[in-house]
Structures are given as C-alpha cells and as structure tokens.
C-alpha atoms as a PDB file:
ATOM      1  CA  MET A   1     -23.206 -35.546  62.073  1.00  0.00           C
ATOM      2  CA  SER A   2     -22.781 -39.267  62.196  1.00  0.00           C
ATOM      3  CA  LEU A   3     -24.494 -41.443  64.795  1.00  0.00           C
ATOM      4  CA  ASN A   4     -22.505 -43.885  66.880  1.00  0.00           C
ATOM      5  CA  LEU A   5     -23.579 -47.524  67.154  1.00  0.00           C
ATOM      6  CA  GLU A   6     -25.632 -47.041  70.337  1.00  0.00           C
ATOM      7  CA  GLU A   7     -27.525 -44.136  68.846  1.00  0.00           C
ATOM      8  CA  LYS A   8     -28.256 -46.170  65.711  1.00  0.00           C
ATOM      9  CA  LYS A   9     -29.576 -49.037  67.816  1.00  0.00           C
ATOM     10  CA  ALA A  10     -31.797 -46.618  69.692  1.00  0.00           C
ATOM     11  CA  VAL A  11     -33.207 -45.184  66.434  1.00  0.00           C
ATOM     12  CA  VAL A  12     -33.896 -48.721  65.091  1.00  0.00           C
ATOM     13  CA  ALA A  13     -35.585 -49.685  68.376  1.00  0.00           C
ATOM     14  CA  GLU A  14     -37.736 -46.524  68.358  1.00  0.00           C
ATOM     15  CA  VAL A  15     -38.890 -47.072  64.747  1.00  0.00           C
ATOM     16  CA  SER A  16     -39.501 -50.798  65.415  1.00  0.00           C
ATOM     17  CA  LYS A  17     -41.726 -49.844  68.344  1.00  0.00           C
ATOM     18  CA  GLN A  18     -43.710 -47.514  66.125  1.00  0.00           C
ATOM     19  CA  ILE A  19     -43.996 -50.154  63.394  1.00  0.00           C
ATOM     20  CA  GLU A  20     -45.421 -52.754  65.811  1.00  0.00           C
ATOM     21  CA  ASN A  21     -48.749 -51.002  66.126  1.00  0.00           C
ATOM     22  CA  ALA A  22     -48.729 -49.192  62.766  1.00  0.00           C
ATOM     23  CA  GLN A  23     -51.519 -49.587  60.241  1.00  0.00           C
ATOM     24  CA  SER A  24     -49.797 -47.434  57.581  1.00  0.00           C
ATOM     25  CA  LEU A  25     -46.350 -46.262  56.584  1.00  0.00           C
ATOM     26  CA  ILE A  26     -45.949 -43.517  53.989  1.00  0.00           C
ATOM     27  CA  LEU A  27     -42.686 -42.459  52.293  1.00  0.00           C
ATOM     28  CA  ALA A  28     -42.269 -38.964  50.855  1.00  0.00           C
ATOM     29  CA  GLU A  29     -39.324 -37.087  49.390  1.00  0.00           C
ATOM     30  CA  TYR A  30     -38.848 -33.621  50.878  1.00  0.00           C
ATOM     31  CA  ARG A  31     -35.960 -32.285  48.795  1.00  0.00           C
ATOM     32  CA  GLY A  32     -36.110 -28.478  48.566  1.00  0.00           C
ATOM     33  CA  VAL A  33     -38.877 -28.012  51.223  1.00  0.00           C
ATOM     34  CA  GLY A  34     -38.083 -25.177  53.639  1.00  0.00           C
ATOM     35  CA  VAL A  35     -37.573 -25.623  57.389  1.00  0.00           C
ATOM     36  CA  GLY A  36     -40.671 -23.550  58.224  1.00  0.00           C
ATOM     37  CA  GLU A  37     -42.866 -25.671  55.973  1.00  0.00           C
ATOM     38  CA  MET A  38     -41.478 -28.891  57.478  1.00  0.00           C
ATOM     39  CA  THR A  39     -42.178 -27.577  60.937  1.00  0.00           C
ATOM     40  CA  ASN A  40     -45.798 -26.900  59.904  1.00  0.00           C
ATOM     41  CA  LEU A  41     -45.999 -30.455  58.549  1.00  0.00           C
ATOM     42  CA  ARG A  42     -44.638 -31.855  61.830  1.00  0.00           C
ATOM     43  CA  THR A  43     -47.238 -29.894  63.766  1.00  0.00           C
ATOM     44  CA  LYS A  44     -50.088 -31.179  61.612  1.00  0.00           C
ATOM     45  CA  ALA A  45     -48.741 -34.717  61.891  1.00  0.00           C
ATOM     46  CA  ARG A  46     -48.499 -34.455  65.706  1.00  0.00           C
ATOM     47  CA  GLU A  47     -52.089 -33.183  65.904  1.00  0.00           C
ATOM     48  CA  SER A  48     -53.271 -36.159  63.808  1.00  0.00           C
ATOM     49  CA  GLY A  49     -51.332 -38.754  65.826  1.00  0.00           C
ATOM     50  CA  VAL A  50     -48.812 -39.451  63.054  1.00  0.00           C
ATOM     51  CA  TYR A  51     -45.159 -40.318  63.886  1.00  0.00           C
ATOM     52  CA  LEU A  52     -43.243 -38.236  61.352  1.00  0.00           C
ATOM     53  CA  LYS A  53     -39.459 -38.389  61.169  1.00  0.00           C
ATOM     54  CA  VAL A  54     -36.614 -37.803  58.784  1.00  0.00           C
ATOM     55  CA  LEU A  55     -34.389 -40.853  59.229  1.00  0.00           C
ATOM     56  CA  LYS A  56     -31.543 -42.610  57.551  1.00  0.00           C
ATOM     57  CA  ASN A  57     -32.951 -45.077  55.051  1.00  0.00           C
ATOM     58  CA  SER A  58     -30.572 -47.883  56.171  1.00  0.00           C
ATOM     59  CA  LEU A  59     -31.835 -47.609  59.763  1.00  0.00           C
ATOM     60  CA  VAL A  60     -35.493 -47.796  58.737  1.00  0.00           C
ATOM     61  CA  LYS A  61     -34.720 -50.741  56.448  1.00  0.00           C
ATOM     62  CA  ARG A  62     -33.330 -52.576  59.524  1.00  0.00           C
ATOM     63  CA  ALA A  63     -36.351 -51.602  61.536  1.00  0.00           C
ATOM     64  CA  ILE A  64     -38.866 -52.930  58.985  1.00  0.00           C
ATOM     65  CA  GLU A  65     -37.044 -56.216  58.289  1.00  0.00           C
ATOM     66  CA  ASP A  66     -39.392 -59.157  58.856  1.00  0.00           C
ATOM     67  CA  THR A  67     -42.417 -56.905  59.326  1.00  0.00           C
ATOM     68  CA  PRO A  68     -45.533 -56.517  57.165  1.00  0.00           C
ATOM     69  CA  PHE A  69     -43.935 -53.302  55.798  1.00  0.00           C
ATOM     70  CA  SER A  70     -40.683 -54.901  54.489  1.00  0.00           C
ATOM     71  CA  SER A  71     -41.856 -54.496  50.867  1.00  0.00           C
ATOM     72  CA  LEU A  72     -41.072 -50.754  51.145  1.00  0.00           C
ATOM     73  CA  SER A  73     -37.291 -51.336  51.387  1.00  0.00           C
ATOM     74  CA  GLU A  74     -36.743 -51.008  47.647  1.00  0.00           C
ATOM     75  CA  ASP A  75     -38.389 -47.529  47.572  1.00  0.00           C
ATOM     76  CA  MET A  76     -36.114 -46.102  50.241  1.00  0.00           C
ATOM     77  CA  VAL A  77     -33.779 -43.992  48.125  1.00  0.00           C
ATOM     78  CA  GLY A  78     -32.958 -40.315  48.589  1.00  0.00           C
ATOM     79  CA  PRO A  79     -33.946 -37.900  51.322  1.00  0.00           C
ATOM     80  CA  LEU A  80     -37.181 -39.278  52.748  1.00  0.00           C
ATOM     81  CA  VAL A  81     -39.601 -38.399  55.518  1.00  0.00           C
ATOM     82  CA  PHE A  82     -41.401 -41.347  57.096  1.00  0.00           C
ATOM     83  CA  GLY A  83     -45.041 -41.038  58.263  1.00  0.00           C
ATOM     84  CA  ILE A  84     -46.132 -43.904  60.547  1.00  0.00           C
ATOM     85  CA  SER A  85     -49.660 -44.090  61.988  1.00  0.00           C
ATOM     86  CA  GLU A  86     -51.969 -46.415  63.897  1.00  0.00           C
ATOM     87  CA  ASP A  87     -54.919 -44.932  62.004  1.00  0.00           C
ATOM     88  CA  PRO A  88     -54.619 -46.250  58.444  1.00  0.00           C
ATOM     89  CA  VAL A  89     -55.840 -42.964  56.933  1.00  0.00           C
ATOM     90  CA  ALA A  90     -54.127 -40.360  59.094  1.00  0.00           C
ATOM     91  CA  ALA A  91     -50.587 -40.523  57.702  1.00  0.00           C
ATOM     92  CA  ALA A  92     -51.775 -40.670  54.126  1.00  0.00           C
ATOM     93  CA  LYS A  93     -54.144 -37.744  54.688  1.00  0.00           C
ATOM     94  CA  VAL A  94     -51.564 -35.475  56.387  1.00  0.00           C
ATOM     95  CA  LEU A  95     -48.774 -36.162  53.853  1.00  0.00           C
ATOM     96  CA  SER A  96     -51.101 -36.040  50.802  1.00  0.00           C
ATOM     97  CA  ASN A  97     -52.611 -32.711  51.889  1.00  0.00           C
ATOM     98  CA  PHE A  98     -49.140 -31.271  52.388  1.00  0.00           C
ATOM     99  CA  ALA A  99     -48.006 -32.586  48.992  1.00  0.00           C
ATOM    100  CA  ASP A 100     -51.009 -30.892  47.373  1.00  0.00           C
ATOM    101  CA  GLU A 101     -49.968 -27.509  48.965  1.00  0.00           C
ATOM    102  CA  ASN A 102     -46.240 -27.898  48.288  1.00  0.00           C
ATOM    103  CA  ASP A 103     -44.926 -28.931  44.828  1.00  0.00           C
ATOM    104  CA  LEU A 104     -41.446 -29.882  46.127  1.00  0.00           C
ATOM    105  CA  PHE A 105     -42.883 -32.490  48.524  1.00  0.00           C
ATOM    106  CA  VAL A 106     -43.468 -35.742  46.618  1.00  0.00           C
ATOM    107  CA  ILE A 107     -45.122 -38.896  47.976  1.00  0.00           C
ATOM    108  CA  LYS A 108     -43.101 -41.899  46.762  1.00  0.00           C
ATOM    109  CA  SER A 109     -45.069 -44.906  48.104  1.00  0.00           C
ATOM    110  CA  GLY A 110     -46.747 -46.345  51.143  1.00  0.00           C
ATOM    111  CA  ALA A 111     -47.859 -49.582  52.719  1.00  0.00           C
ATOM    112  CA  MET A 112     -50.464 -51.072  54.956  1.00  0.00           C
ATOM    113  CA  PRO A 113     -49.679 -54.380  56.664  1.00  0.00           C
ATOM    114  CA  ASN A 114     -48.706 -56.847  53.887  1.00  0.00           C
ATOM    115  CA  GLU A 115     -49.900 -54.487  51.122  1.00  0.00           C
ATOM    116  CA  LYS A 116     -47.645 -52.120  49.233  1.00  0.00           C
ATOM    117  CA  MET A 117     -49.281 -48.987  47.756  1.00  0.00           C
ATOM    118  CA  ASP A 118     -48.232 -46.769  44.892  1.00  0.00           C
ATOM    119  CA  VAL A 119     -48.824 -43.000  44.855  1.00  0.00           C
ATOM    120  CA  SER A 120     -52.358 -43.261  43.440  1.00  0.00           C
ATOM    121  CA  ALA A 121     -53.309 -45.763  46.172  1.00  0.00           C
ATOM    122  CA  VAL A 122     -51.960 -43.436  48.840  1.00  0.00           C
ATOM    123  CA  LYS A 123     -53.969 -40.548  47.429  1.00  0.00           C
ATOM    124  CA  ALA A 124     -57.098 -42.778  47.321  1.00  0.00           C
ATOM    125  CA  LEU A 125     -56.464 -43.771  50.957  1.00  0.00           C
ATOM    126  CA  ALA A 126     -56.095 -40.073  51.879  1.00  0.00           C
ATOM    127  CA  SER A 127     -59.524 -39.327  50.358  1.00  0.00           C
ATOM    128  CA  LEU A 128     -61.265 -41.762  52.745  1.00  0.00           C
ATOM    129  CA  PRO A 129     -62.880 -40.391  55.898  1.00  0.00           C
ATOM    130  CA  SER A 130     -60.796 -40.696  59.041  1.00  0.00           C
ATOM    131  CA  ARG A 131     -61.597 -43.137  61.828  1.00  0.00           C
ATOM    132  CA  ASP A 132     -63.181 -40.378  63.913  1.00  0.00           C
ATOM    133  CA  GLU A 133     -65.405 -39.261  61.025  1.00  0.00           C
ATOM    134  CA  LEU A 134     -66.537 -42.849  60.456  1.00  0.00           C
ATOM    135  CA  LEU A 135     -67.275 -43.353  64.153  1.00  0.00           C
ATOM    136  CA  ALA A 136     -69.324 -40.139  64.211  1.00  0.00           C
ATOM    137  CA  LYS A 137     -71.349 -41.261  61.208  1.00  0.00           C
ATOM    138  CA  LEU A 138     -71.917 -44.673  62.761  1.00  0.00           C
ATOM    139  CA  LEU A 139     -73.054 -43.066  66.046  1.00  0.00           C
ATOM    140  CA  GLY A 140     -75.421 -40.777  64.160  1.00  0.00           C
ATOM    141  CA  THR A 141     -76.863 -43.730  62.289  1.00  0.00           C
ATOM    142  CA  MET A 142     -77.321 -45.729  65.455  1.00  0.00           C
ATOM    143  CA  GLN A 143     -78.843 -42.747  67.301  1.00  0.00           C
ATOM    144  CA  ALA A 144     -81.397 -41.790  64.588  1.00  0.00           C
ATOM    145  CA  PRO A 145     -84.024 -44.490  65.281  1.00  0.00           C
ATOM    146  CA  ILE A 146     -83.896 -43.918  69.034  1.00  0.00           C
ATOM    147  CA  ALA A 147     -84.266 -40.156  68.583  1.00  0.00           C
ATOM    148  CA  LYS A 148     -87.225 -40.577  66.269  1.00  0.00           C
ATOM    149  CA  PHE A 149     -88.877 -42.987  68.744  1.00  0.00           C
ATOM    150  CA  VAL A 150     -88.413 -40.465  71.573  1.00  0.00           C
ATOM    151  CA  ARG A 151     -89.916 -37.691  69.435  1.00  0.00           C
ATOM    152  CA  THR A 152     -92.901 -39.930  68.583  1.00  0.00           C
ATOM    153  CA  LEU A 153     -93.482 -40.765  72.250  1.00  0.00           C
ATOM    154  CA  ASN A 154     -93.254 -37.096  73.142  1.00  0.00           C
ATOM    155  CA  GLU A 155     -95.816 -36.210  70.498  1.00  0.00           C
ATOM    156  CA  VAL A 156     -98.695 -38.007  72.404  1.00  0.00           C
ATOM    157  CA  PRO A 157     -98.711 -35.760  75.504  1.00  0.00           C
ATOM    158  CA  SER A 158     -97.946 -32.744  73.355  1.00  0.00           C
ATOM    159  CA  LYS A 159    -101.038 -33.388  71.214  1.00  0.00           C
ATOM    160  CA  PHE A 160    -103.087 -33.872  74.372  1.00  0.00           C
ATOM    161  CA  ALA A 161    -101.881 -30.569  75.832  1.00  0.00           C
ATOM    162  CA  ARG A 162    -102.536 -28.748  72.557  1.00  0.00           C
ATOM    163  CA  GLY A 163    -106.045 -30.258  72.453  1.00  0.00           C
ATOM    164  CA  LEU A 164    -106.787 -29.069  76.022  1.00  0.00           C
ATOM    165  CA  ALA A 165    -105.479 -25.629  75.143  1.00  0.00           C
ATOM    166  CA  ALA A 166    -107.743 -25.473  72.063  1.00  0.00           C
ATOM    167  CA  VAL A 167    -110.800 -26.490  74.116  1.00  0.00           C
ATOM    168  CA  ARG A 168    -109.909 -23.890  76.784  1.00  0.00           C
ATOM    169  CA  ASP A 169    -109.569 -21.194  74.128  1.00  0.00           C
ATOM    170  CA  GLN A 170    -113.008 -22.079  72.584  1.00  0.00           C
ATOM    171  CA  LYS A 171    -114.924 -21.815  75.892  1.00  0.00           C
ATOM    172  CA  PRO A 172    -116.161 -18.387  76.848  1.00  0.00           C
ATOM    173  CA  ALA A 173    -114.307 -16.708  79.661  1.00  0.00           C
END
C-alpha cells in the first residue's frame, strides 16, 4: 500500500526526530525472516531502547540528509530494517545478536555520528559492554575504597569486643 504525501512527510519527520538524538544507526537486510522472528526482534529492541522500523529507503535517505549519518545513503538498497539508538552499543548489540541466531538476517552496515562502520565494526561495537554495564562497573570501582575503609573502621571495635570476650572466657566463673 502506497503512502500519500502527508504520510510520507510524517514518516520523514518521525525518523528525523529519532536521528537528532541518535548515537548509532544500523542497517540490516531481513529478506526471508519470518513474521514471528521479526516480532521477537522488535520486542528485544523495544526492551533495549532501540527504535526499530522497516521503512522505505527513499524516506530514510531524506531523513538523514545533512546529518552525521548521511554517509549511509549509498548502502540503502533492498529490504532493510533500521535500528536507531541513543546508546551507541544497544542497536548494534540487539541486531548483531539476532543476526547470530538467524542466518537470513544480515547486517549491511552502520554508523555513529560522522563515522561509517562496516559489518566487522558493527560486530566489534556489539561486543562492547552496554552503557548500564559500564556504569555498574564504574560504581563498583568507586565504591570499593569506601567499603574497605568502612570495614577497617568496623574492625577496631570488633577486635575490642572479641578481646573482652576472650578475657571473660578465661576468668573462672
């Protein structure tokens, strides 16, 4: 079913809005992938905060004109699914994991602002820890010295209490 001009403008505006805050854009060909599998992919993408849509290539080309992702225009050929995310790793991770599980789903290329990536770069990006994982590691690293200091301070009264208990146990009743 063909879109009328107003619907096309709405699609371009929606994609442009997503591109404004995006840190990564991944293109993948989905030819031959079943509806149920695509539904599972959409669910995983939604859970990860990835905007995932099957769109007309010409509309996406219009939306990415004069943006840091404009270098992807030449790769937009065939039936594509577009993964757009504010977390640089999320889209690459979701689409790459799905491509590993499904042979018919092929990642074509991707981009971060002003940097086009080939398939191997997208796979490398997908292998990085996510933003949440990195924040958790940073928090653990920052918390470790404080926790050790608190344990050390707690050890002084504990040793005193154990010493008193030992003296009490040695005295005859």
